[in-house]
Amino acid sequence: MNIILKLIPALIFWGIFVLVVFQIPYPDNLAGASGFQLISFFIPLFLAISFSLNLIFKNIFISSSLSLGTLLLLMLKALNSINIITVIIIITAVGLLVSYFRRNRRIRRIREIRV
C-alpha cells in the first residue's frame, strides 16, 4: 500500500510531462523559448524525476538533489555550454548535497537510539 501511495505522484507528474511535450509548441532552441514553455517543461520534469527517484532512495531530499543535478546538466547540454569543468562542479555539488542529507539522517537515528 505504501509503494502505491508513492507511485501515484510519480505517475501523475510523468503524465503531466508527457502532456506538456505533446501539447505545447516547442521552440527552435532553448534560448528562444518563452518563460511559460520553460516552466511548463522543467517543473513537471523535475517533479517526475524527483518522485520516481524517491521510490528508490526513500528520501525526498536526496531524490530532489539528484533531480536538480540532472536538470542542470540537461539545461547546459541544451545550451551547448556543457564541458568537463561544469560536469565535475555539478556532480560534486550534488554529491555534497546527497552526503549531507544521508549524514543528517544517520545523526537523527543515532540520537533516537541513545534516548
PDB file of N, CA and C in Angstrom:
ATOM      1  N   MET A   1       0.825  -1.197   0.000  1.00  0.00           N
ATOM      2  CA  MET A   1       0.000   0.000   0.000  1.00  0.00           C
ATOM      3  C   MET A   1       0.866   1.256   0.000  1.00  0.00           C
ATOM      4  N   ASN A   2       1.983   1.216   0.752  1.00  0.00           N
ATOM      5  CA  ASN A   2       2.861   2.378   0.845  1.00  0.00           C
ATOM      6  C   ASN A   2       3.517   2.687  -0.495  1.00  0.00           C
ATOM      7  N   ILE A   3       3.904   1.645  -1.243  1.00  0.00           N
ATOM      8  CA  ILE A   3       4.542   1.857  -2.536  1.00  0.00           C
ATOM      9  C   ILE A   3       3.539   2.431  -3.534  1.00  0.00           C
ATOM     10  N   ILE A   4       2.286   2.056  -3.423  1.00  0.00           N
ATOM     11  CA  ILE A   4       1.263   2.594  -4.325  1.00  0.00           C
ATOM     12  C   ILE A   4       1.071   4.077  -4.072  1.00  0.00           C
ATOM     13  N   LEU A   5       1.098   4.479  -2.798  1.00  0.00           N
ATOM     14  CA  LEU A   5       0.946   5.897  -2.482  1.00  0.00           C
ATOM     15  C   LEU A   5       2.128   6.726  -2.981  1.00  0.00           C
ATOM     16  N   LYS A   6       3.315   6.120  -3.046  1.00  0.00           N
ATOM     17  CA  LYS A   6       4.476   6.825  -3.580  1.00  0.00           C
ATOM     18  C   LYS A   6       4.509   6.779  -5.104  1.00  0.00           C
ATOM     19  N   LEU A   7       3.882   5.790  -5.695  1.00  0.00           N
ATOM     20  CA  LEU A   7       3.878   5.645  -7.142  1.00  0.00           C
ATOM     21  C   LEU A   7       2.898   6.606  -7.818  1.00  0.00           C
ATOM     22  N   ILE A   8       1.812   6.929  -7.152  1.00  0.00           N
ATOM     23  CA  ILE A   8       0.777   7.781  -7.749  1.00  0.00           C
ATOM     24  C   ILE A   8       1.312   9.166  -8.127  1.00  0.00           C
ATOM     25  N   PRO A   9       2.024   9.904  -7.244  1.00  0.00           N
ATOM     26  CA  PRO A   9       2.526  11.219  -7.673  1.00  0.00           C
ATOM     27  C   PRO A   9       3.514  11.128  -8.836  1.00  0.00           C
ATOM     28  N   ALA A  10       4.338  10.090  -8.851  1.00  0.00           N
ATOM     29  CA  ALA A  10       5.292   9.930  -9.955  1.00  0.00           C
ATOM     30  C   ALA A  10       4.550   9.740 -11.271  1.00  0.00           C
ATOM     31  N   LEU A  11       3.538   8.897 -11.278  1.00  0.00           N
ATOM     32  CA  LEU A  11       2.767   8.675 -12.499  1.00  0.00           C
ATOM     33  C   LEU A  11       2.007   9.922 -12.932  1.00  0.00           C
ATOM     34  N   ILE A  12       1.484  10.664 -11.963  1.00  0.00           N
ATOM     35  CA  ILE A  12       0.761  11.899 -12.297  1.00  0.00           C
ATOM     36  C   ILE A  12       1.694  12.902 -12.957  1.00  0.00           C
ATOM     37  N   PHE A  13       2.873  13.104 -12.386  1.00  0.00           N
ATOM     38  CA  PHE A  13       3.783  14.102 -12.964  1.00  0.00           C
ATOM     39  C   PHE A  13       4.406  13.630 -14.268  1.00  0.00           C
ATOM     40  N   TRP A  14       4.619  12.311 -14.446  1.00  0.00           N
ATOM     41  CA  TRP A  14       5.068  11.834 -15.753  1.00  0.00           C
ATOM     42  C   TRP A  14       3.965  12.047 -16.786  1.00  0.00           C
ATOM     43  N   GLY A  15       2.707  11.864 -16.392  1.00  0.00           N
ATOM     44  CA  GLY A  15       1.587  12.134 -17.299  1.00  0.00           C
ATOM     45  C   GLY A  15       1.503  13.597 -17.681  1.00  0.00           C
ATOM     46  N   ILE A  16       1.697  14.484 -16.705  1.00  0.00           N
ATOM     47  CA  ILE A  16       1.688  15.920 -16.994  1.00  0.00           C
ATOM     48  C   ILE A  16       2.838  16.281 -17.919  1.00  0.00           C
ATOM     49  N   PHE A  17       4.010  15.699 -17.679  1.00  0.00           N
ATOM     50  CA  PHE A  17       5.162  15.978 -18.538  1.00  0.00           C
ATOM     51  C   PHE A  17       4.910  15.515 -19.973  1.00  0.00           C
ATOM     52  N   VAL A  18       4.345  14.331 -20.150  1.00  0.00           N
ATOM     53  CA  VAL A  18       4.044  13.832 -21.497  1.00  0.00           C
ATOM     54  C   VAL A  18       2.998  14.723 -22.161  1.00  0.00           C
ATOM     55  N   LEU A  19       2.018  15.166 -21.408  1.00  0.00           N
ATOM     56  CA  LEU A  19       1.006  16.076 -21.941  1.00  0.00           C
ATOM     57  C   LEU A  19       1.639  17.393 -22.392  1.00  0.00           C
ATOM     58  N   VAL A  20       2.563  17.916 -21.614  1.00  0.00           N
ATOM     59  CA  VAL A  20       3.263  19.153 -21.978  1.00  0.00           C
ATOM     60  C   VAL A  20       4.068  18.959 -23.255  1.00  0.00           C
ATOM     61  N   VAL A  21       4.752  17.842 -23.357  1.00  0.00           N
ATOM     62  CA  VAL A  21       5.583  17.586 -24.537  1.00  0.00           C
ATOM     63  C   VAL A  21       4.723  17.525 -25.793  1.00  0.00           C
ATOM     64  N   PHE A  22       3.548  16.892 -25.709  1.00  0.00           N
ATOM     65  CA  PHE A  22       2.713  16.739 -26.890  1.00  0.00           C
ATOM     66  C   PHE A  22       1.827  17.943 -27.186  1.00  0.00           C
ATOM     67  N   GLN A  23       1.494  18.762 -26.196  1.00  0.00           N
ATOM     68  CA  GLN A  23       0.528  19.835 -26.402  1.00  0.00           C
ATOM     69  C   GLN A  23       1.138  21.216 -26.594  1.00  0.00           C
ATOM     70  N   ILE A  24       2.220  21.521 -25.918  1.00  0.00           N
ATOM     71  CA  ILE A  24       2.798  22.866 -26.000  1.00  0.00           C
ATOM     72  C   ILE A  24       3.762  22.911 -27.172  1.00  0.00           C
ATOM     73  N   PRO A  25       3.625  23.932 -28.033  1.00  0.00           N
ATOM     74  CA  PRO A  25       4.538  24.019 -29.184  1.00  0.00           C
ATOM     75  C   PRO A  25       5.972  24.250 -28.716  1.00  0.00           C
ATOM     76  N   TYR A  26       6.890  23.537 -29.333  1.00  0.00           N
ATOM     77  CA  TYR A  26       8.278  23.622 -28.906  1.00  0.00           C
ATOM     78  C   TYR A  26       9.021  24.683 -29.707  1.00  0.00           C
ATOM     79  N   PRO A  27       9.979  25.359 -29.071  1.00  0.00           N
ATOM     80  CA  PRO A  27      10.757  26.389 -29.769  1.00  0.00           C
ATOM     81  C   PRO A  27      11.883  25.752 -30.582  1.00  0.00           C
ATOM     82  N   ASP A  28      12.549  26.581 -31.375  1.00  0.00           N
ATOM     83  CA  ASP A  28      13.669  26.077 -32.166  1.00  0.00           C
ATOM     84  C   ASP A  28      14.866  25.721 -31.292  1.00  0.00           C
ATOM     85  N   ASN A  29      15.099  26.512 -30.263  1.00  0.00           N
ATOM     86  CA  ASN A  29      16.191  26.228 -29.330  1.00  0.00           C
ATOM     87  C   ASN A  29      15.791  26.703 -27.935  1.00  0.00           C
ATOM     88  N   LEU A  30      16.600  26.357 -26.954  1.00  0.00           N
ATOM     89  CA  LEU A  30      16.280  26.690 -25.565  1.00  0.00           C
ATOM     90  C   LEU A  30      16.347  28.192 -25.316  1.00  0.00           C
ATOM     91  N   ALA A  31      17.261  28.871 -25.986  1.00  0.00           N
ATOM     92  CA  ALA A  31      17.396  30.314 -25.795  1.00  0.00           C
ATOM     93  C   ALA A  31      16.182  31.070 -26.345  1.00  0.00           C
ATOM     94  N   GLY A  32      15.499  30.491 -27.319  1.00  0.00           N
ATOM     95  CA  GLY A  32      14.335  31.152 -27.902  1.00  0.00           C
ATOM     96  C   GLY A  32      13.017  30.781 -27.250  1.00  0.00           C
ATOM     97  N   ALA A  33      13.063  30.003 -26.203  1.00  0.00           N
ATOM     98  CA  ALA A  33      11.833  29.567 -25.533  1.00  0.00           C
ATOM     99  C   ALA A  33      11.297  30.664 -24.619  1.00  0.00           C
ATOM    100  N   SER A  34       9.983  30.723 -24.516  1.00  0.00           N
ATOM    101  CA  SER A  34       9.359  31.691 -23.613  1.00  0.00           C
ATOM    102  C   SER A  34       9.406  31.151 -22.183  1.00  0.00           C
ATOM    103  N   GLY A  35       9.122  32.017 -21.239  1.00  0.00           N
ATOM    104  CA  GLY A  35       9.126  31.614 -19.831  1.00  0.00           C
ATOM    105  C   GLY A  35       8.093  30.547 -19.544  1.00  0.00           C
ATOM    106  N   PHE A  36       6.932  30.666 -20.172  1.00  0.00           N
ATOM    107  CA  PHE A  36       5.878  29.672 -19.973  1.00  0.00           C
ATOM    108  C   PHE A  36       6.312  28.303 -20.477  1.00  0.00           C
ATOM    109  N   GLN A  37       6.970  28.269 -21.627  1.00  0.00           N
ATOM    110  CA  GLN A  37       7.437  26.989 -22.162  1.00  0.00           C
ATOM    111  C   GLN A  37       8.492  26.356 -21.261  1.00  0.00           C
ATOM    112  N   LEU A  38       9.394  27.170 -20.739  1.00  0.00           N
ATOM    113  CA  LEU A  38      10.431  26.645 -19.859  1.00  0.00           C
ATOM    114  C   LEU A  38       9.842  26.113 -18.556  1.00  0.00           C
ATOM    115  N   ILE A  39       8.969  26.891 -17.943  1.00  0.00           N
ATOM    116  CA  ILE A  39       8.362  26.481 -16.670  1.00  0.00           C
ATOM    117  C   ILE A  39       7.498  25.246 -16.862  1.00  0.00           C
ATOM    118  N   SER A  40       6.698  25.234 -17.934  1.00  0.00           N
ATOM    119  CA  SER A  40       5.801  24.095 -18.142  1.00  0.00           C
ATOM    120  C   SER A  40       6.563  22.827 -18.517  1.00  0.00           C
ATOM    121  N   PHE A  41       7.781  22.938 -18.994  1.00  0.00           N
ATOM    122  CA  PHE A  41       8.577  21.757 -19.321  1.00  0.00           C
ATOM    123  C   PHE A  41       9.400  21.288 -18.127  1.00  0.00           C
ATOM    124  N   PHE A  42      10.102  22.199 -17.470  1.00  0.00           N
ATOM    125  CA  PHE A  42      11.078  21.789 -16.457  1.00  0.00           C
ATOM    126  C   PHE A  42      10.469  21.472 -15.099  1.00  0.00           C
ATOM    127  N   ILE A  43       9.405  22.129 -14.702  1.00  0.00           N
ATOM    128  CA  ILE A  43       8.821  21.826 -13.385  1.00  0.00           C
ATOM    129  C   ILE A  43       8.199  20.429 -13.346  1.00  0.00           C
ATOM    130  N   PRO A  44       7.359  20.042 -14.321  1.00  0.00           N
ATOM    131  CA  PRO A  44       6.866  18.650 -14.270  1.00  0.00           C
ATOM    132  C   PRO A  44       7.983  17.614 -14.420  1.00  0.00           C
ATOM    133  N   LEU A  45       9.004  17.936 -15.225  1.00  0.00           N
ATOM    134  CA  LEU A  45      10.121  17.007 -15.367  1.00  0.00           C
ATOM    135  C   LEU A  45      10.876  16.857 -14.046  1.00  0.00           C
ATOM    136  N   PHE A  46      11.123  17.972 -13.369  1.00  0.00           N
ATOM    137  CA  PHE A  46      11.799  17.932 -12.067  1.00  0.00           C
ATOM    138  C   PHE A  46      10.995  17.110 -11.066  1.00  0.00           C
ATOM    139  N   LEU A  47       9.704  17.369 -10.990  1.00  0.00           N
ATOM    140  CA  LEU A  47       8.869  16.650 -10.024  1.00  0.00           C
ATOM    141  C   LEU A  47       8.729  15.178 -10.385  1.00  0.00           C
ATOM    142  N   ALA A  48       8.635  14.874 -11.678  1.00  0.00           N
ATOM    143  CA  ALA A  48       8.522  13.473 -12.096  1.00  0.00           C
ATOM    144  C   ALA A  48       9.791  12.703 -11.757  1.00  0.00           C
ATOM    145  N   ILE A  49      10.945  13.286 -12.038  1.00  0.00           N
ATOM    146  CA  ILE A  49      12.200  12.612 -11.715  1.00  0.00           C
ATOM    147  C   ILE A  49      12.360  12.492 -10.198  1.00  0.00           C
ATOM    148  N   SER A  50      11.995  13.547  -9.468  1.00  0.00           N
ATOM    149  CA  SER A  50      12.129  13.506  -8.000  1.00  0.00           C
ATOM    150  C   SER A  50      11.269  12.407  -7.387  1.00  0.00           C
ATOM    151  N   PHE A  51      10.006  12.342  -7.786  1.00  0.00           N
ATOM    152  CA  PHE A  51       9.129  11.332  -7.199  1.00  0.00           C
ATOM    153  C   PHE A  51       9.496   9.929  -7.671  1.00  0.00           C
ATOM    154  N   SER A  52      10.018   9.801  -8.885  1.00  0.00           N
ATOM    155  CA  SER A  52      10.454   8.489  -9.352  1.00  0.00           C
ATOM    156  C   SER A  52      11.682   8.019  -8.584  1.00  0.00           C
ATOM    157  N   LEU A  53      12.642   8.907  -8.365  1.00  0.00           N
ATOM    158  CA  LEU A  53      13.825   8.544  -7.588  1.00  0.00           C
ATOM    159  C   LEU A  53      13.490   8.308  -6.121  1.00  0.00           C
ATOM    160  N   ASN A  54      12.423   8.944  -5.649  1.00  0.00           N
ATOM    161  CA  ASN A  54      12.002   8.743  -4.264  1.00  0.00           C
ATOM    162  C   ASN A  54      11.538   7.304  -4.038  1.00  0.00           C
ATOM    163  N   LEU A  55      11.078   6.637  -5.083  1.00  0.00           N
ATOM    164  CA  LEU A  55      10.718   5.224  -4.954  1.00  0.00           C
ATOM    165  C   LEU A  55      11.948   4.371  -4.649  1.00  0.00           C
ATOM    166  N   ILE A  56      13.100   4.793  -5.169  1.00  0.00           N
ATOM    167  CA  ILE A  56      14.334   4.035  -4.979  1.00  0.00           C
ATOM    168  C   ILE A  56      15.024   4.412  -3.673  1.00  0.00           C
ATOM    169  N   PHE A  57      15.214   5.721  -3.446  1.00  0.00           N
ATOM    170  CA  PHE A  57      16.013   6.182  -2.309  1.00  0.00           C
ATOM    171  C   PHE A  57      15.220   6.380  -1.027  1.00  0.00           C
ATOM    172  N   LYS A  58      13.915   6.518  -1.122  1.00  0.00           N
ATOM    173  CA  LYS A  58      13.033   6.704   0.031  1.00  0.00           C
ATOM    174  C   LYS A  58      13.405   7.927   0.875  1.00  0.00           C
ATOM    175  N   ASN A  59      13.947   8.936   0.206  1.00  0.00           N
ATOM    176  CA  ASN A  59      14.279  10.207   0.848  1.00  0.00           C
ATOM    177  C   ASN A  59      14.084  11.298  -0.194  1.00  0.00           C
ATOM    178  N   ILE A  60      13.107  12.160   0.025  1.00  0.00           N
ATOM    179  CA  ILE A  60      12.745  13.151  -0.987  1.00  0.00           C
ATOM    180  C   ILE A  60      13.852  14.183  -1.184  1.00  0.00           C
ATOM    181  N   PHE A  61      14.648  14.455  -0.147  1.00  0.00           N
ATOM    182  CA  PHE A  61      15.722  15.435  -0.285  1.00  0.00           C
ATOM    183  C   PHE A  61      16.839  14.913  -1.186  1.00  0.00           C
ATOM    184  N   ILE A  62      17.199  13.665  -1.027  1.00  0.00           N
ATOM    185  CA  ILE A  62      18.214  13.061  -1.890  1.00  0.00           C
ATOM    186  C   ILE A  62      17.688  12.971  -3.314  1.00  0.00           C
ATOM    187  N   SER A  63      16.440  12.570  -3.466  1.00  0.00           N
ATOM    188  CA  SER A  63      15.841  12.459  -4.792  1.00  0.00           C
ATOM    189  C   SER A  63      15.778  13.815  -5.489  1.00  0.00           C
ATOM    190  N   SER A  64      15.420  14.850  -4.747  1.00  0.00           N
ATOM    191  CA  SER A  64      15.354  16.192  -5.326  1.00  0.00           C
ATOM    192  C   SER A  64      16.741  16.711  -5.698  1.00  0.00           C
ATOM    193  N   SER A  65      17.748  16.388  -4.898  1.00  0.00           N
ATOM    194  CA  SER A  65      19.114  16.810  -5.216  1.00  0.00           C
ATOM    195  C   SER A  65      19.595  16.159  -6.505  1.00  0.00           C
ATOM    196  N   LEU A  66      19.351  14.872  -6.647  1.00  0.00           N
ATOM    197  CA  LEU A  66      19.746  14.169  -7.870  1.00  0.00           C
ATOM    198  C   LEU A  66      18.966  14.680  -9.077  1.00  0.00           C
ATOM    199  N   SER A  67      17.695  14.978  -8.871  1.00  0.00           N
ATOM    200  CA  SER A  67      16.872  15.504  -9.952  1.00  0.00           C
ATOM    201  C   SER A  67      17.348  16.889 -10.386  1.00  0.00           C
ATOM    202  N   LEU A  68      17.711  17.709  -9.425  1.00  0.00           N
ATOM    203  CA  LEU A  68      18.215  19.043  -9.740  1.00  0.00           C
ATOM    204  C   LEU A  68      19.520  18.968 -10.525  1.00  0.00           C
ATOM    205  N   GLY A  69      20.413  18.084 -10.127  1.00  0.00           N
ATOM    206  CA  GLY A  69      21.660  17.906 -10.861  1.00  0.00           C
ATOM    207  C   GLY A  69      21.420  17.433 -12.287  1.00  0.00           C
ATOM    208  N   THR A  70      20.485  16.505 -12.439  1.00  0.00           N
ATOM    209  CA  THR A  70      20.148  16.013 -13.773  1.00  0.00           C
ATOM    210  C   THR A  70      19.600  17.132 -14.654  1.00  0.00           C
ATOM    211  N   LEU A  71      18.719  17.944 -14.091  1.00  0.00           N
ATOM    212  CA  LEU A  71      18.140  19.042 -14.876  1.00  0.00           C
ATOM    213  C   LEU A  71      19.175  20.113 -15.210  1.00  0.00           C
ATOM    214  N   LEU A  72      20.087  20.390 -14.292  1.00  0.00           N
ATOM    215  CA  LEU A  72      21.146  21.354 -14.600  1.00  0.00           C
ATOM    216  C   LEU A  72      22.020  20.866 -15.749  1.00  0.00           C
ATOM    217  N   LEU A  73      22.374  19.593 -15.714  1.00  0.00           N
ATOM    218  CA  LEU A  73      23.156  19.028 -16.815  1.00  0.00           C
ATOM    219  C   LEU A  73      22.374  19.042 -18.122  1.00  0.00           C
ATOM    220  N   LEU A  74      21.078  18.768 -18.057  1.00  0.00           N
ATOM    221  CA  LEU A  74      20.234  18.799 -19.246  1.00  0.00           C
ATOM    222  C   LEU A  74      20.138  20.201 -19.831  1.00  0.00           C
ATOM    223  N   MET A  75      19.993  21.209 -18.969  1.00  0.00           N
ATOM    224  CA  MET A  75      19.918  22.593 -19.456  1.00  0.00           C
ATOM    225  C   MET A  75      21.239  23.038 -20.072  1.00  0.00           C
ATOM    226  N   LEU A  76      22.349  22.692 -19.439  1.00  0.00           N
ATOM    227  CA  LEU A  76      23.646  23.057 -20.004  1.00  0.00           C
ATOM    228  C   LEU A  76      23.889  22.363 -21.341  1.00  0.00           C
ATOM    229  N   LYS A  77      23.447  21.130 -21.458  1.00  0.00           N
ATOM    230  CA  LYS A  77      23.584  20.414 -22.724  1.00  0.00           C
ATOM    231  C   LYS A  77      22.735  21.075 -23.811  1.00  0.00           C
ATOM    232  N   ALA A  78      21.530  21.503 -23.451  1.00  0.00           N
ATOM    233  CA  ALA A  78      20.647  22.150 -24.422  1.00  0.00           C
ATOM    234  C   ALA A  78      21.203  23.494 -24.876  1.00  0.00           C
ATOM    235  N   LEU A  79      21.934  24.174 -24.008  1.00  0.00           N
ATOM    236  CA  LEU A  79      22.539  25.462 -24.360  1.00  0.00           C
ATOM    237  C   LEU A  79      23.925  25.316 -24.991  1.00  0.00           C
ATOM    238  N   ASN A  80      24.385  24.089 -25.165  1.00  0.00           N
ATOM    239  CA  ASN A  80      25.727  23.796 -25.684  1.00  0.00           C
ATOM    240  C   ASN A  80      26.817  24.456 -24.841  1.00  0.00           C
ATOM    241  N   SER A  81      26.607  24.508 -23.541  1.00  0.00           N
ATOM    242  CA  SER A  81      27.559  25.119 -22.615  1.00  0.00           C
ATOM    243  C   SER A  81      28.210  24.099 -21.704  1.00  0.00           C
ATOM    244  N   ILE A  82      27.984  22.849 -21.967  1.00  0.00           N
ATOM    245  CA  ILE A  82      28.497  21.827 -21.073  1.00  0.00           C
ATOM    246  C   ILE A  82      29.957  21.517 -21.419  1.00  0.00           C
ATOM    247  N   ASN A  83      30.763  21.432 -20.375  1.00  0.00           N
ATOM    248  CA  ASN A  83      32.147  20.987 -20.531  1.00  0.00           C
ATOM    249  C   ASN A  83      32.521  20.184 -19.288  1.00  0.00           C
ATOM    250  N   ILE A  84      33.714  19.682 -19.262  1.00  0.00           N
ATOM    251  CA  ILE A  84      34.119  18.773 -18.184  1.00  0.00           C
ATOM    252  C   ILE A  84      34.151  19.480 -16.828  1.00  0.00           C
ATOM    253  N   ILE A  85      34.493  20.761 -16.820  1.00  0.00           N
ATOM    254  CA  ILE A  85      34.549  21.512 -15.551  1.00  0.00           C
ATOM    255  C   ILE A  85      33.155  21.665 -14.954  1.00  0.00           C
ATOM    256  N   THR A  86      32.163  22.050 -15.776  1.00  0.00           N
ATOM    257  CA  THR A  86      30.811  22.217 -15.251  1.00  0.00           C
ATOM    258  C   THR A  86      30.227  20.884 -14.801  1.00  0.00           C
ATOM    259  N   VAL A  87      30.542  19.822 -15.517  1.00  0.00           N
ATOM    260  CA  VAL A  87      30.063  18.498 -15.106  1.00  0.00           C
ATOM    261  C   VAL A  87      30.661  18.110 -13.754  1.00  0.00           C
ATOM    262  N   ILE A  88      31.945  18.334 -13.580  1.00  0.00           N
ATOM    263  CA  ILE A  88      32.600  17.999 -12.310  1.00  0.00           C
ATOM    264  C   ILE A  88      32.028  18.840 -11.170  1.00  0.00           C
ATOM    265  N   ILE A  89      31.792  20.130 -11.417  1.00  0.00           N
ATOM    266  CA  ILE A  89      31.242  21.009 -10.378  1.00  0.00           C
ATOM    267  C   ILE A  89      29.833  20.570  -9.993  1.00  0.00           C
ATOM    268  N   ILE A  90      29.000  20.259 -10.981  1.00  0.00           N
ATOM    269  CA  ILE A  90      27.623  19.853 -10.691  1.00  0.00           C
ATOM    270  C   ILE A  90      27.601  18.504  -9.970  1.00  0.00           C
ATOM    271  N   ILE A  91      28.413  17.558 -10.409  1.00  0.00           N
ATOM    272  CA  ILE A  91      28.452  16.254  -9.750  1.00  0.00           C
ATOM    273  C   ILE A  91      28.964  16.395  -8.315  1.00  0.00           C
ATOM    274  N   THR A  92      29.953  17.251  -8.105  1.00  0.00           N
ATOM    275  CA  THR A  92      30.465  17.483  -6.751  1.00  0.00           C
ATOM    276  C   THR A  92      29.398  18.115  -5.858  1.00  0.00           C
ATOM    277  N   ALA A  93      28.694  19.122  -6.391  1.00  0.00           N
ATOM    278  CA  ALA A  93      27.652  19.787  -5.606  1.00  0.00           C
ATOM    279  C   ALA A  93      26.531  18.818  -5.249  1.00  0.00           C
ATOM    280  N   VAL A  94      26.098  18.024  -6.210  1.00  0.00           N
ATOM    281  CA  VAL A  94      25.034  17.057  -5.941  1.00  0.00           C
ATOM    282  C   VAL A  94      25.530  15.988  -4.959  1.00  0.00           C
ATOM    283  N   GLY A  95      26.758  15.548  -5.120  1.00  0.00           N
ATOM    284  CA  GLY A  95      27.327  14.581  -4.182  1.00  0.00           C
ATOM    285  C   GLY A  95      27.392  15.121  -2.764  1.00  0.00           C
ATOM    286  N   LEU A  96      27.761  16.394  -2.620  1.00  0.00           N
ATOM    287  CA  LEU A  96      27.796  17.003  -1.285  1.00  0.00           C
ATOM    288  C   LEU A  96      26.398  17.119  -0.690  1.00  0.00           C
ATOM    289  N   LEU A  97      25.421  17.481  -1.516  1.00  0.00           N
ATOM    290  CA  LEU A  97      24.044  17.551  -1.020  1.00  0.00           C
ATOM    291  C   LEU A  97      23.547  16.176  -0.569  1.00  0.00           C
ATOM    292  N   VAL A  98      23.805  15.170  -1.374  1.00  0.00           N
ATOM    293  CA  VAL A  98      23.358  13.818  -1.026  1.00  0.00           C
ATOM    294  C   VAL A  98      24.052  13.336   0.246  1.00  0.00           C
ATOM    295  N   SER A  99      25.349  13.590   0.359  1.00  0.00           N
ATOM    296  CA  SER A  99      26.052  13.147   1.561  1.00  0.00           C
ATOM    297  C   SER A  99      25.567  13.907   2.790  1.00  0.00           C
ATOM    298  N   TYR A 100      25.205  15.174   2.635  1.00  0.00           N
ATOM    299  CA  TYR A 100      24.672  15.929   3.770  1.00  0.00           C
ATOM    300  C   TYR A 100      23.341  15.341   4.230  1.00  0.00           C
ATOM    301  N   PHE A 101      22.462  15.032   3.290  1.00  0.00           N
ATOM    302  CA  PHE A 101      21.159  14.501   3.676  1.00  0.00           C
ATOM    303  C   PHE A 101      21.268  13.090   4.231  1.00  0.00           C
ATOM    304  N   ARG A 102      22.200  12.298   3.753  1.00  0.00           N
ATOM    305  CA  ARG A 102      22.406  10.966   4.332  1.00  0.00           C
ATOM    306  C   ARG A 102      22.996  11.071   5.726  1.00  0.00           C
ATOM    307  N   ARG A 103      23.958  11.972   5.912  1.00  0.00           N
ATOM    308  CA  ARG A 103      24.593  12.159   7.213  1.00  0.00           C
ATOM    309  C   ARG A 103      23.569  12.669   8.224  1.00  0.00           C
ATOM    310  N   ASN A 104      22.705  13.570   7.800  1.00  0.00           N
ATOM    311  CA  ASN A 104      21.693  14.131   8.680  1.00  0.00           C
ATOM    312  C   ASN A 104      20.745  13.031   9.160  1.00  0.00           C
ATOM    313  N   ARG A 105      20.404  12.108   8.288  1.00  0.00           N
ATOM    314  CA  ARG A 105      19.514  11.025   8.675  1.00  0.00           C
ATOM    315  C   ARG A 105      20.208  10.076   9.654  1.00  0.00           C
ATOM    316  N   ARG A 106      21.501   9.810   9.456  1.00  0.00           N
ATOM    317  CA  ARG A 106      22.241   8.933  10.365  1.00  0.00           C
ATOM    318  C   ARG A 106      22.356   9.546  11.757  1.00  0.00           C
ATOM    319  N   ILE A 107      22.606  10.852  11.816  1.00  0.00           N
ATOM    320  CA  ILE A 107      22.712  11.526  13.114  1.00  0.00           C
ATOM    321  C   ILE A 107      21.385  11.446  13.853  1.00  0.00           C
ATOM    322  N   ARG A 108      20.294  11.617  13.135  1.00  0.00           N
ATOM    323  CA  ARG A 108      18.979  11.543  13.748  1.00  0.00           C
ATOM    324  C   ARG A 108      18.728  10.145  14.298  1.00  0.00           C
ATOM    325  N   ARG A 109      19.139   9.096  13.572  1.00  0.00           N
ATOM    326  CA  ARG A 109      18.959   7.728  14.055  1.00  0.00           C
ATOM    327  C   ARG A 109      19.801   7.458  15.294  1.00  0.00           C
ATOM    328  N   ILE A 110      21.019   7.985  15.334  1.00  0.00           N
ATOM    329  CA  ILE A 110      21.895   7.791  16.487  1.00  0.00           C
ATOM    330  C   ILE A 110      21.280   8.445  17.719  1.00  0.00           C
ATOM    331  N   ARG A 111      20.715   9.628  17.546  1.00  0.00           N
ATOM    332  CA  ARG A 111      20.071  10.304  18.674  1.00  0.00           C
ATOM    333  C   ARG A 111      18.864   9.532  19.174  1.00  0.00           C
ATOM    334  N   GLU A 112      18.095   8.914  18.250  1.00  0.00           N
ATOM    335  CA  GLU A 112      16.934   8.138  18.657  1.00  0.00           C
ATOM    336  C   GLU A 112      17.349   6.882  19.435  1.00  0.00           C
ATOM    337  N   ILE A 113      18.459   6.280  19.042  1.00  0.00           N
ATOM    338  CA  ILE A 113      18.929   5.075  19.722  1.00  0.00           C
ATOM    339  C   ILE A 113      19.408   5.398  21.127  1.00  0.00           C
ATOM    340  N   ARG A 114      20.085   6.531  21.294  1.00  0.00           N
ATOM    341  CA  ARG A 114      20.623   6.913  22.601  1.00  0.00           C
ATOM    342  C   ARG A 114      19.520   7.288  23.597  1.00  0.00           C
ATOM    343  N   VAL A 115      18.426   7.810  23.112  1.00  0.00           N
ATOM    344  CA  VAL A 115      17.353   8.250  24.007  1.00  0.00           C
ATOM    345  C   VAL A 115      16.527   7.121  24.456  1.00  0.00           C
TER     346      VAL A 115
END
